[in-house]
């Protein structure tokens, strides 16, 4: 009778272990499935980040080119402004000289009329 009980106990333990093994295999499948899902999501996120980084680098490159062009334009505009300012200064001096010359001529004309 004790042999039958021992055999029954071992059979029950064996069934219990098979059931537990089956549960563990199901858990393992679930964990494997979740791991695959998370790895796929991680890969997609990495690819998205790399695309954003690439797009950002491209935009930075374009902005650098535009900034360089604007810098060159500023240099040219400063040079033009300097030339215009210089010309304006010269024209102002010439204008003042012509006004002085005109006033001198008027005085000569009026002086000549008074003497005549």
N, C-alpha and C. Protein backbone atom coordinates (compact mmCIF):
# COMPACT_ATOMS: atom_id res chain seq x y z
N UNK A 1 0.83 -1.18 0.00
CA UNK A 1 0.00 0.00 0.00
C UNK A 1 0.87 1.25 0.00
N UNK A 2 2.00 1.22 0.77
CA UNK A 2 2.87 2.39 0.79
C UNK A 2 3.56 2.56 -0.56
N UNK A 3 3.80 1.46 -1.28
CA UNK A 3 4.39 1.54 -2.62
C UNK A 3 3.43 2.19 -3.59
N UNK A 4 2.14 1.85 -3.44
CA UNK A 4 1.12 2.44 -4.32
C UNK A 4 0.99 3.93 -4.01
N UNK A 5 0.99 4.26 -2.72
CA UNK A 5 0.91 5.68 -2.32
C UNK A 5 2.13 6.46 -2.84
N UNK A 6 3.29 5.83 -2.76
CA UNK A 6 4.51 6.49 -3.24
C UNK A 6 4.44 6.68 -4.74
N UNK A 7 3.95 5.63 -5.44
CA UNK A 7 3.83 5.73 -6.90
C UNK A 7 2.79 6.78 -7.26
N UNK A 8 1.67 6.79 -6.51
CA UNK A 8 0.62 7.78 -6.75
C UNK A 8 1.18 9.19 -6.50
N UNK A 9 1.92 9.33 -5.43
CA UNK A 9 2.52 10.63 -5.08
C UNK A 9 3.49 11.09 -6.15
N UNK A 10 4.27 10.15 -6.67
CA UNK A 10 5.24 10.52 -7.71
C UNK A 10 4.53 10.86 -9.01
N UNK A 11 3.43 10.10 -9.31
CA UNK A 11 2.66 10.39 -10.52
C UNK A 11 2.02 11.78 -10.41
N UNK A 12 1.47 12.09 -9.22
CA UNK A 12 0.85 13.40 -8.99
C UNK A 12 1.92 14.49 -9.12
N UNK A 13 3.07 14.26 -8.52
CA UNK A 13 4.15 15.24 -8.59
C UNK A 13 4.60 15.43 -10.03
N UNK A 14 4.64 14.36 -10.77
CA UNK A 14 5.03 14.41 -12.18
C UNK A 14 4.00 15.20 -12.98
N UNK A 15 2.70 14.97 -12.74
CA UNK A 15 1.64 15.72 -13.41
C UNK A 15 1.74 17.20 -13.03
N UNK A 16 1.94 17.46 -11.74
CA UNK A 16 2.06 18.85 -11.27
C UNK A 16 3.25 19.55 -11.96
N UNK A 17 4.35 18.81 -12.07
CA UNK A 17 5.53 19.39 -12.73
C UNK A 17 5.27 19.63 -14.22
N UNK A 18 4.53 18.72 -14.86
CA UNK A 18 4.18 18.90 -16.27
C UNK A 18 3.28 20.12 -16.44
N UNK A 19 2.31 20.26 -15.52
CA UNK A 19 1.42 21.43 -15.58
C UNK A 19 2.23 22.72 -15.38
N UNK A 20 3.11 22.70 -14.37
CA UNK A 20 3.95 23.88 -14.10
C UNK A 20 4.86 24.16 -15.30
N UNK A 21 5.39 23.11 -15.89
CA UNK A 21 6.24 23.25 -17.06
C UNK A 21 5.45 23.87 -18.21
N UNK A 22 4.22 23.42 -18.39
CA UNK A 22 3.36 23.96 -19.44
C UNK A 22 3.09 25.45 -19.20
N UNK A 23 2.79 25.82 -17.94
CA UNK A 23 2.57 27.23 -17.58
C UNK A 23 3.83 28.06 -17.85
N UNK A 24 4.99 27.51 -17.48
CA UNK A 24 6.25 28.22 -17.69
C UNK A 24 6.53 28.41 -19.18
N UNK A 25 6.19 27.39 -20.00
CA UNK A 25 6.37 27.53 -21.45
C UNK A 25 5.45 28.62 -22.00
N UNK A 26 4.22 28.70 -21.51
CA UNK A 26 3.29 29.74 -21.94
C UNK A 26 3.81 31.12 -21.54
N UNK A 27 4.32 31.23 -20.31
CA UNK A 27 4.89 32.51 -19.85
C UNK A 27 6.09 32.89 -20.72
N UNK A 28 6.91 31.89 -21.02
CA UNK A 28 8.09 32.13 -21.85
C UNK A 28 7.67 32.63 -23.23
N UNK A 29 6.61 32.05 -23.81
CA UNK A 29 6.12 32.49 -25.12
C UNK A 29 5.64 33.94 -25.04
N UNK A 30 4.90 34.24 -23.96
CA UNK A 30 4.42 35.61 -23.77
C UNK A 30 5.56 36.61 -23.63
N UNK A 31 6.55 36.22 -22.83
CA UNK A 31 7.72 37.09 -22.62
C UNK A 31 8.49 37.27 -23.93
N UNK A 32 8.62 36.18 -24.68
CA UNK A 32 9.33 36.25 -25.97
C UNK A 32 8.57 37.15 -26.93
N UNK A 33 7.25 37.01 -26.97
CA UNK A 33 6.42 37.84 -27.84
C UNK A 33 6.53 39.32 -27.45
N UNK A 34 6.46 39.60 -26.15
CA UNK A 34 6.58 40.98 -25.65
C UNK A 34 7.97 41.54 -25.95
N UNK A 35 8.99 40.72 -25.79
CA UNK A 35 10.36 41.14 -26.09
C UNK A 35 10.50 41.50 -27.56
N UNK A 36 9.95 40.67 -28.44
CA UNK A 36 10.01 40.94 -29.87
C UNK A 36 9.27 42.23 -30.21
N UNK A 37 8.12 42.43 -29.59
CA UNK A 37 7.34 43.64 -29.83
C UNK A 37 8.12 44.87 -29.38
N UNK A 38 8.72 44.80 -28.19
CA UNK A 38 9.49 45.93 -27.66
C UNK A 38 10.75 46.19 -28.49
N UNK A 39 11.39 45.13 -28.95
CA UNK A 39 12.58 45.31 -29.79
C UNK A 39 12.22 45.96 -31.13
N UNK A 40 11.07 45.55 -31.69
CA UNK A 40 10.62 46.15 -32.95
C UNK A 40 10.31 47.64 -32.73
N UNK A 41 9.68 47.94 -31.60
CA UNK A 41 9.36 49.34 -31.29
C UNK A 41 10.64 50.14 -31.08
N UNK A 42 11.60 49.54 -30.38
CA UNK A 42 12.88 50.21 -30.15
C UNK A 42 13.58 50.50 -31.48
N UNK A 43 13.57 49.52 -32.39
CA UNK A 43 14.18 49.70 -33.70
C UNK A 43 13.49 50.83 -34.47
N UNK A 44 12.15 50.85 -34.42
CA UNK A 44 11.41 51.91 -35.10
C UNK A 44 11.74 53.28 -34.51
N UNK A 45 11.84 53.35 -33.19
CA UNK A 45 12.17 54.63 -32.53
C UNK A 45 13.58 55.09 -32.90
N UNK A 46 14.51 54.15 -32.94
CA UNK A 46 15.89 54.49 -33.31
C UNK A 46 15.92 55.00 -34.75
N UNK A 47 15.21 54.32 -35.65
CA UNK A 47 15.17 54.76 -37.04
C UNK A 47 14.54 56.15 -37.16
N UNK A 48 13.48 56.38 -36.39
CA UNK A 48 12.82 57.70 -36.39
C UNK A 48 13.79 58.78 -35.90
N UNK A 49 14.51 58.48 -34.82
CA UNK A 49 15.48 59.44 -34.27
C UNK A 49 16.60 59.71 -35.28
N UNK A 50 17.08 58.67 -35.94
CA UNK A 50 18.14 58.85 -36.93
C UNK A 50 17.65 59.70 -38.11
N UNK A 51 16.40 59.49 -38.52
CA UNK A 51 15.84 60.31 -39.60
C UNK A 51 15.74 61.75 -39.17
N UNK A 52 15.25 61.98 -37.94
CA UNK A 52 15.15 63.36 -37.44
C UNK A 52 16.54 64.00 -37.35
N UNK A 53 17.51 63.24 -36.89
CA UNK A 53 18.87 63.75 -36.80
C UNK A 53 19.40 64.10 -38.19
N UNK A 54 19.16 63.23 -39.15
CA UNK A 54 19.59 63.48 -40.53
C UNK A 54 18.92 64.73 -41.08
N UNK A 55 17.60 64.85 -40.86
CA UNK A 55 16.86 66.02 -41.33
C UNK A 55 17.39 67.29 -40.68
N UNK A 56 17.66 67.21 -39.39
CA UNK A 56 18.18 68.37 -38.65
C UNK A 56 19.55 68.76 -39.17
N UNK A 57 20.40 67.79 -39.41
CA UNK A 57 21.74 68.07 -39.94
C UNK A 57 21.64 68.73 -41.31
N UNK A 58 20.70 68.26 -42.12
CA UNK A 58 20.48 68.84 -43.45
C UNK A 58 20.03 70.29 -43.32
N UNK A 59 19.10 70.54 -42.39
CA UNK A 59 18.62 71.91 -42.17
C UNK A 59 19.74 72.80 -41.67
N UNK A 60 20.56 72.29 -40.78
CA UNK A 60 21.69 73.06 -40.26
C UNK A 60 22.64 73.43 -41.41
N UNK A 61 22.89 72.47 -42.28
CA UNK A 61 23.76 72.74 -43.44
C UNK A 61 23.18 73.84 -44.32
N UNK A 62 21.88 73.77 -44.59
CA UNK A 62 21.23 74.80 -45.41
C UNK A 62 21.28 76.15 -44.71
N UNK A 63 21.05 76.16 -43.40
CA UNK A 63 21.11 77.42 -42.66
C UNK A 63 22.52 78.00 -42.64
N UNK A 64 23.51 77.13 -42.54
CA UNK A 64 24.90 77.61 -42.57
C UNK A 64 25.20 78.27 -43.91
N UNK A 65 24.75 77.65 -45.01
CA UNK A 65 24.97 78.22 -46.34
C UNK A 65 24.26 79.56 -46.45
N UNK A 66 23.00 79.61 -45.98
CA UNK A 66 22.23 80.86 -46.03
C UNK A 66 22.90 81.94 -45.19
N UNK A 67 23.40 81.57 -44.01
CA UNK A 67 24.06 82.53 -43.14
C UNK A 67 25.33 83.06 -43.79
N UNK A 68 26.07 82.19 -44.45
CA UNK A 68 27.29 82.61 -45.15
C UNK A 68 26.94 83.58 -46.27
N UNK A 69 25.88 83.28 -47.01
CA UNK A 69 25.46 84.18 -48.09
C UNK A 69 25.03 85.54 -47.52
N UNK A 70 24.29 85.52 -46.43
CA UNK A 70 23.85 86.77 -45.80
C UNK A 70 25.06 87.55 -45.30
N UNK A 71 26.03 86.86 -44.76
CA UNK A 71 27.25 87.51 -44.28
C UNK A 71 27.97 88.20 -45.44
N UNK A 72 28.06 87.50 -46.56
CA UNK A 72 28.69 88.09 -47.74
C UNK A 72 27.90 89.30 -48.23
N UNK A 73 26.56 89.19 -48.20
CA UNK A 73 25.72 90.32 -48.60
C UNK A 73 25.94 91.51 -47.67
N UNK A 74 26.06 91.25 -46.39
CA UNK A 74 26.30 92.33 -45.42
C UNK A 74 27.61 93.02 -45.70
N UNK A 75 28.65 92.25 -46.00
CA UNK A 75 29.95 92.84 -46.32
C UNK A 75 29.83 93.74 -47.55
N UNK A 76 29.13 93.25 -48.58
CA UNK A 76 28.96 94.05 -49.80
C UNK A 76 28.13 95.30 -49.52
N UNK A 77 27.06 95.15 -48.72
CA UNK A 77 26.23 96.30 -48.40
C UNK A 77 27.00 97.33 -47.57
N UNK A 78 27.82 96.87 -46.66
CA UNK A 78 28.65 97.79 -45.87
C UNK A 78 29.61 98.56 -46.78
N UNK A 79 30.19 97.85 -47.74
CA UNK A 79 31.11 98.50 -48.68
C UNK A 79 30.35 99.54 -49.51
N UNK A 80 29.17 99.15 -50.01
CA UNK A 80 28.34 100.08 -50.78
C UNK A 80 27.94 101.28 -49.94
N UNK A 81 27.56 101.03 -48.70
CA UNK A 81 27.16 102.11 -47.80
C UNK A 81 28.34 103.05 -47.55
N UNK A 82 29.50 102.51 -47.39
CA UNK A 82 30.70 103.33 -47.20
C UNK A 82 30.96 104.20 -48.42
N UNK A 83 30.81 103.61 -49.61
CA UNK A 83 31.01 104.37 -50.85
C UNK A 83 29.97 105.47 -50.97
N UNK A 84 28.70 105.16 -50.67
CA UNK A 84 27.64 106.16 -50.76
C UNK A 84 27.87 107.27 -49.74
N UNK A 85 28.27 106.90 -48.55
CA UNK A 85 28.55 107.89 -47.50
C UNK A 85 29.70 108.80 -47.93
N UNK A 86 30.73 108.21 -48.50
CA UNK A 86 31.87 108.99 -48.98
C UNK A 86 31.43 109.94 -50.10
N UNK A 87 30.63 109.42 -51.03
CA UNK A 87 30.13 110.27 -52.13
C UNK A 87 29.26 111.39 -51.59
N UNK A 88 28.42 111.07 -50.64
CA UNK A 88 27.54 112.08 -50.04
C UNK A 88 28.37 113.16 -49.36
N UNK A 89 29.41 112.76 -48.67
CA UNK A 89 30.30 113.72 -48.00
C UNK A 89 30.94 114.64 -49.05
N UNK A 90 31.44 114.06 -50.12
CA UNK A 90 32.07 114.85 -51.19
C UNK A 90 31.06 115.77 -51.85
N UNK A 91 29.85 115.26 -52.11
CA UNK A 91 28.81 116.09 -52.74
C UNK A 91 28.39 117.23 -51.81
N UNK A 92 28.33 116.96 -50.52
CA UNK A 92 27.98 118.00 -49.55
C UNK A 92 29.05 119.08 -49.55
N UNK A 93 30.32 118.67 -49.54
CA UNK A 93 31.42 119.65 -49.60
C UNK A 93 31.32 120.47 -50.89
N UNK A 94 31.06 119.80 -51.99
CA UNK A 94 30.95 120.48 -53.30
C UNK A 94 29.77 121.43 -53.29
N UNK A 95 28.66 121.02 -52.70
CA UNK A 95 27.46 121.86 -52.61
C UNK A 95 27.77 123.12 -51.80
N UNK A 96 28.41 122.94 -50.68
CA UNK A 96 28.77 124.09 -49.83
C UNK A 96 29.71 125.03 -50.59
N UNK A 97 30.69 124.46 -51.31
CA UNK A 97 31.62 125.27 -52.09
C UNK A 97 30.87 126.06 -53.17
N UNK A 98 29.92 125.39 -53.84
CA UNK A 98 29.15 126.07 -54.88
C UNK A 98 28.29 127.19 -54.30
N UNK A 99 27.72 126.95 -53.10
CA UNK A 99 26.94 128.01 -52.43
C UNK A 99 27.84 129.20 -52.12
N UNK A 100 29.03 128.91 -51.60
CA UNK A 100 29.99 129.99 -51.30
C UNK A 100 30.37 130.74 -52.58
N UNK A 101 30.67 129.98 -53.65
CA UNK A 101 31.02 130.62 -54.93
C UNK A 101 29.86 131.46 -55.45
N UNK A 102 28.65 130.94 -55.33
CA UNK A 102 27.45 131.66 -55.79
C UNK A 102 27.29 132.96 -55.00
N UNK A 103 27.47 132.89 -53.69
CA UNK A 103 27.34 134.09 -52.85
C UNK A 103 28.41 135.13 -53.22
N UNK A 104 29.61 134.65 -53.51
CA UNK A 104 30.70 135.55 -53.90
C UNK A 104 30.36 136.25 -55.21
N UNK A 105 29.83 135.48 -56.16
CA UNK A 105 29.46 136.06 -57.46
C UNK A 105 28.34 137.08 -57.29
N UNK A 106 27.37 136.79 -56.42
CA UNK A 106 26.28 137.74 -56.16
C UNK A 106 26.84 139.05 -55.61
N UNK A 107 27.75 138.90 -54.67
CA UNK A 107 28.34 140.09 -54.07
C UNK A 107 29.08 140.91 -55.13
N UNK A 108 29.76 140.22 -56.03
CA UNK A 108 30.48 140.92 -57.09
C UNK A 108 29.51 141.63 -58.04
N UNK A 109 28.40 140.87 -58.37
CA UNK A 109 27.40 141.46 -59.27
C UNK A 109 26.77 142.67 -58.61
N UNK A 110 26.33 142.55 -57.35
CA UNK A 110 25.70 143.67 -56.64
C UNK A 110 26.71 144.80 -56.42
N UNK A 111 27.94 144.43 -56.13
CA UNK A 111 28.99 145.44 -55.96
C UNK A 111 29.26 146.18 -57.27
N UNK A 112 29.21 145.48 -58.39
CA UNK A 112 29.43 146.08 -59.70
C UNK A 112 28.29 146.99 -60.06
N UNK A 113 27.07 146.68 -59.67
CA UNK A 113 25.92 147.52 -59.98
C UNK A 113 25.97 148.82 -59.18
N UNK A 114 26.39 148.69 -57.96
CA UNK A 114 26.44 149.86 -57.09
C UNK A 114 27.52 150.82 -57.55
N UNK A 115 28.58 150.29 -58.07
CA UNK A 115 29.69 151.13 -58.52
C UNK A 115 29.39 151.73 -59.89
N UNK A 116 28.46 151.16 -60.63
CA UNK A 116 28.22 151.65 -61.98
C UNK A 116 27.29 152.83 -62.07
